[in-house]
Each structure stands twice: as structure tokens, then as C-alpha cells.
Amino acid sequence: METIPSTMEPGDENTREKLMNDLKVVAQDAEELLKATATDLGDRAQAARQRLTVALDRAKDSASKMQDRAKEGLVATDRCIREHPYQTIGAAFCLGLVLGLLVRNK
């Protein structure tokens, strides 16, 4: 069962997955560009390749850390819900009731 951390909204999960996929595509394209320009020996090209390599490594690390934090949040949320199922149901009911009253009054 997949759960969503309380700091995220339900639509954010699809956005996060799309962002991760886009980052992977950009990383693959950057790696291909680095391989394709490996024979270019110009000083500016070498400096650009080094900066791109560093930026690519940094982006991969950031994406990995973000994914790890998201997984930790999912595990913590799932554990909390499993440890306190009745309280979770009660909180969800109350939240639904309040939101329903607010929507009805508008």
C-alpha cells in the first residue's frame, strides 16, 4: 500500500515522478553529449565538459537524496497509520467533515 506523506498533496506524487523521469532523461542526454564531445580538445570545451560533469554528478546526488527522503517519509507515514488505525480513521473523518461543511457553506 502506497501512502503519501503529510507534507505532500496527492497531485504532487505524479509531479515528483515526472520530475524524476525528466531528470533521468536530462542526465542521460548530458552523458551522451559528454561522450560525443570527448574528442574535442579545445580549452573551452574541456572546461565546459568538466562543469557539466560536476553539475551532472550534483544533480544525480540531489535526486537520489530526494528519492531517499521521500521513501523515508512514506515508510514513516505507513508505520504511523498501521500503529494507530482508529485514530487515523477518526482524523480522516473529522477532516472530511470540516471540509464538507466549509464547501457546503460557500
C-alpha atoms as a PDB file:
ATOM      1  CA  MET A   1       0.000   0.000   0.000  1.00  0.00           C
ATOM      2  CA  GLU A   2       1.432   3.334  -1.056  1.00  0.00           C
ATOM      3  CA  THR A   3       0.840   6.306   1.174  1.00  0.00           C
ATOM      4  CA  ILE A   4       1.560   9.996   0.741  1.00  0.00           C
ATOM      5  CA  PRO A   5       3.476  11.956   3.405  1.00  0.00           C
ATOM      6  CA  SER A   6       1.534  14.704   5.130  1.00  0.00           C
ATOM      7  CA  THR A   7       3.782  17.377   3.609  1.00  0.00           C
ATOM      8  CA  MET A   8       2.671  16.415   0.112  1.00  0.00           C
ATOM      9  CA  GLU A   9      -0.631  16.715  -1.647  1.00  0.00           C
ATOM     10  CA  PRO A  10      -2.000  13.828  -3.730  1.00  0.00           C
ATOM     11  CA  GLY A  11      -1.217  15.525  -7.078  1.00  0.00           C
ATOM     12  CA  ASP A  12       2.392  16.150  -6.040  1.00  0.00           C
ATOM     13  CA  GLU A  13       3.295  12.470  -6.347  1.00  0.00           C
ATOM     14  CA  ASN A  14       2.729  12.467 -10.115  1.00  0.00           C
ATOM     15  CA  THR A  15       4.644  15.715 -10.405  1.00  0.00           C
ATOM     16  CA  ARG A  16       7.534  14.267  -8.412  1.00  0.00           C
ATOM     17  CA  GLU A  17       7.624  11.147 -10.590  1.00  0.00           C
ATOM     18  CA  LYS A  18       7.553  13.260 -13.753  1.00  0.00           C
ATOM     19  CA  LEU A  19      10.369  15.435 -12.404  1.00  0.00           C
ATOM     20  CA  MET A  20      12.468  12.392 -11.546  1.00  0.00           C
ATOM     21  CA  ASN A  21      11.902  10.936 -15.027  1.00  0.00           C
ATOM     22  CA  ASP A  22      12.785  14.261 -16.651  1.00  0.00           C
ATOM     23  CA  LEU A  23      15.968  14.496 -14.562  1.00  0.00           C
ATOM     24  CA  LYS A  24      16.959  10.989 -15.650  1.00  0.00           C
ATOM     25  CA  VAL A  25      16.422  11.891 -19.314  1.00  0.00           C
ATOM     26  CA  VAL A  26      18.478  15.080 -18.923  1.00  0.00           C
ATOM     27  CA  ALA A  27      21.240  13.119 -17.187  1.00  0.00           C
ATOM     28  CA  GLN A  28      21.309  10.535 -19.981  1.00  0.00           C
ATOM     29  CA  ASP A  29      21.385  13.247 -22.636  1.00  0.00           C
ATOM     30  CA  ALA A  30      24.208  15.056 -20.814  1.00  0.00           C
ATOM     31  CA  GLU A  31      26.208  11.835 -20.546  1.00  0.00           C
ATOM     32  CA  GLU A  32      25.744  11.199 -24.274  1.00  0.00           C
ATOM     33  CA  LEU A  33      26.857  14.764 -25.003  1.00  0.00           C
ATOM     34  CA  LEU A  34      29.952  14.271 -22.870  1.00  0.00           C
ATOM     35  CA  LYS A  35      30.802  11.072 -24.741  1.00  0.00           C
ATOM     36  CA  ALA A  36      30.175  12.684 -28.135  1.00  0.00           C
ATOM     37  CA  THR A  37      32.450  15.641 -27.381  1.00  0.00           C
ATOM     38  CA  ALA A  38      35.227  13.584 -25.817  1.00  0.00           C
ATOM     39  CA  THR A  39      37.442  14.071 -28.874  1.00  0.00           C
ATOM     40  CA  ASP A  40      37.078  17.877 -28.853  1.00  0.00           C
ATOM     41  CA  LEU A  41      40.312  19.118 -27.334  1.00  0.00           C
ATOM     42  CA  GLY A  42      39.564  22.853 -27.070  1.00  0.00           C
ATOM     43  CA  ASP A  43      40.219  24.509 -23.709  1.00  0.00           C
ATOM     44  CA  ARG A  44      36.741  25.990 -23.525  1.00  0.00           C
ATOM     45  CA  ALA A  45      35.178  22.661 -24.440  1.00  0.00           C
ATOM     46  CA  GLN A  46      37.205  20.858 -21.775  1.00  0.00           C
ATOM     47  CA  ALA A  47      36.197  23.421 -19.129  1.00  0.00           C
ATOM     48  CA  ALA A  48      32.563  23.152 -20.177  1.00  0.00           C
ATOM     49  CA  ARG A  49      32.738  19.353 -20.037  1.00  0.00           C
ATOM     50  CA  GLN A  50      34.202  19.486 -16.521  1.00  0.00           C
ATOM     51  CA  ARG A  51      31.497  21.891 -15.315  1.00  0.00           C
ATOM     52  CA  LEU A  52      28.813  19.734 -16.906  1.00  0.00           C
ATOM     53  CA  THR A  53      30.243  16.602 -15.289  1.00  0.00           C
ATOM     54  CA  VAL A  54      30.269  18.253 -11.855  1.00  0.00           C
ATOM     55  CA  ALA A  55      26.737  19.611 -12.320  1.00  0.00           C
ATOM     56  CA  LEU A  56      25.514  16.228 -13.522  1.00  0.00           C
ATOM     57  CA  ASP A  57      27.019  14.445 -10.525  1.00  0.00           C
ATOM     58  CA  ARG A  58      25.489  17.011  -8.180  1.00  0.00           C
ATOM     59  CA  ALA A  59      22.069  16.617  -9.822  1.00  0.00           C
ATOM     60  CA  LYS A  60      22.256  12.831  -9.523  1.00  0.00           C
ATOM     61  CA  ASP A  61      23.172  13.088  -5.837  1.00  0.00           C
ATOM     62  CA  SER A  62      20.343  15.554  -5.168  1.00  0.00           C
ATOM     63  CA  ALA A  63      17.821  13.376  -6.973  1.00  0.00           C
ATOM     64  CA  SER A  64      18.989  10.322  -5.046  1.00  0.00           C
ATOM     65  CA  LYS A  65      18.745  12.139  -1.714  1.00  0.00           C
ATOM     66  CA  MET A  66      15.285  13.483  -2.593  1.00  0.00           C
ATOM     67  CA  GLN A  67      14.124   9.997  -3.509  1.00  0.00           C
ATOM     68  CA  ASP A  68      15.537   8.556  -0.269  1.00  0.00           C
ATOM     69  CA  ARG A  69      13.790  11.227   1.829  1.00  0.00           C
ATOM     70  CA  ALA A  70      10.517  10.566   0.036  1.00  0.00           C
ATOM     71  CA  LYS A  71      10.834   6.838   0.722  1.00  0.00           C
ATOM     72  CA  GLU A  72      11.599   7.511   4.395  1.00  0.00           C
ATOM     73  CA  GLY A  73       8.527   9.732   4.625  1.00  0.00           C
ATOM     74  CA  LEU A  74       6.362   7.082   3.025  1.00  0.00           C
ATOM     75  CA  VAL A  75       7.645   4.409   5.404  1.00  0.00           C
ATOM     76  CA  ALA A  76       7.117   6.642   8.456  1.00  0.00           C
ATOM     77  CA  THR A  77       3.589   7.554   7.365  1.00  0.00           C
ATOM     78  CA  ASP A  78       2.694   3.942   6.652  1.00  0.00           C
ATOM     79  CA  ARG A  79       4.076   2.849  10.032  1.00  0.00           C
ATOM     80  CA  CYS A  80       2.118   5.569  11.850  1.00  0.00           C
ATOM     81  CA  ILE A  81      -1.110   4.617  10.100  1.00  0.00           C
ATOM     82  CA  ARG A  82      -0.595   0.928  10.860  1.00  0.00           C
ATOM     83  CA  GLU A  83       0.213   1.634  14.529  1.00  0.00           C
ATOM     84  CA  HIS A  84      -2.809   3.917  15.013  1.00  0.00           C
ATOM     85  CA  PRO A  85      -5.527   2.806  12.559  1.00  0.00           C
ATOM     86  CA  TYR A  86      -8.528   4.012  14.558  1.00  0.00           C
ATOM     87  CA  GLN A  87      -7.028   7.415  15.274  1.00  0.00           C
ATOM     88  CA  THR A  88      -6.208   7.760  11.566  1.00  0.00           C
ATOM     89  CA  ILE A  89      -9.770   6.894  10.588  1.00  0.00           C
ATOM     90  CA  GLY A  90     -11.098   9.380  13.139  1.00  0.00           C
ATOM     91  CA  ALA A  91      -8.790  12.143  11.936  1.00  0.00           C
ATOM     92  CA  ALA A  92      -9.733  11.487   8.309  1.00  0.00           C
ATOM     93  CA  PHE A  93     -13.428  11.540   9.222  1.00  0.00           C
ATOM     94  CA  CYS A  94     -13.078  14.835  11.100  1.00  0.00           C
ATOM     95  CA  LEU A  95     -11.095  16.414   8.287  1.00  0.00           C
ATOM     96  CA  GLY A  96     -13.693  15.273   5.759  1.00  0.00           C
ATOM     97  CA  LEU A  97     -16.485  16.619   7.928  1.00  0.00           C
ATOM     98  CA  VAL A  98     -14.832  20.026   8.316  1.00  0.00           C
ATOM     99  CA  LEU A  99     -14.041  20.265   4.602  1.00  0.00           C
ATOM    100  CA  GLY A 100     -17.578  19.219   3.736  1.00  0.00           C
ATOM    101  CA  LEU A 101     -19.021  21.914   5.998  1.00  0.00           C
ATOM    102  CA  LEU A 102     -16.727  24.538   4.506  1.00  0.00           C
ATOM    103  CA  VAL A 103     -17.588  23.581   0.930  1.00  0.00           C
ATOM    104  CA  ARG A 104     -21.296  23.448   1.694  1.00  0.00           C
ATOM    105  CA  ASN A 105     -21.304  26.950   3.207  1.00  0.00           C
ATOM    106  CA  LYS A 106     -19.678  28.513   0.139  1.00  0.00           C
END
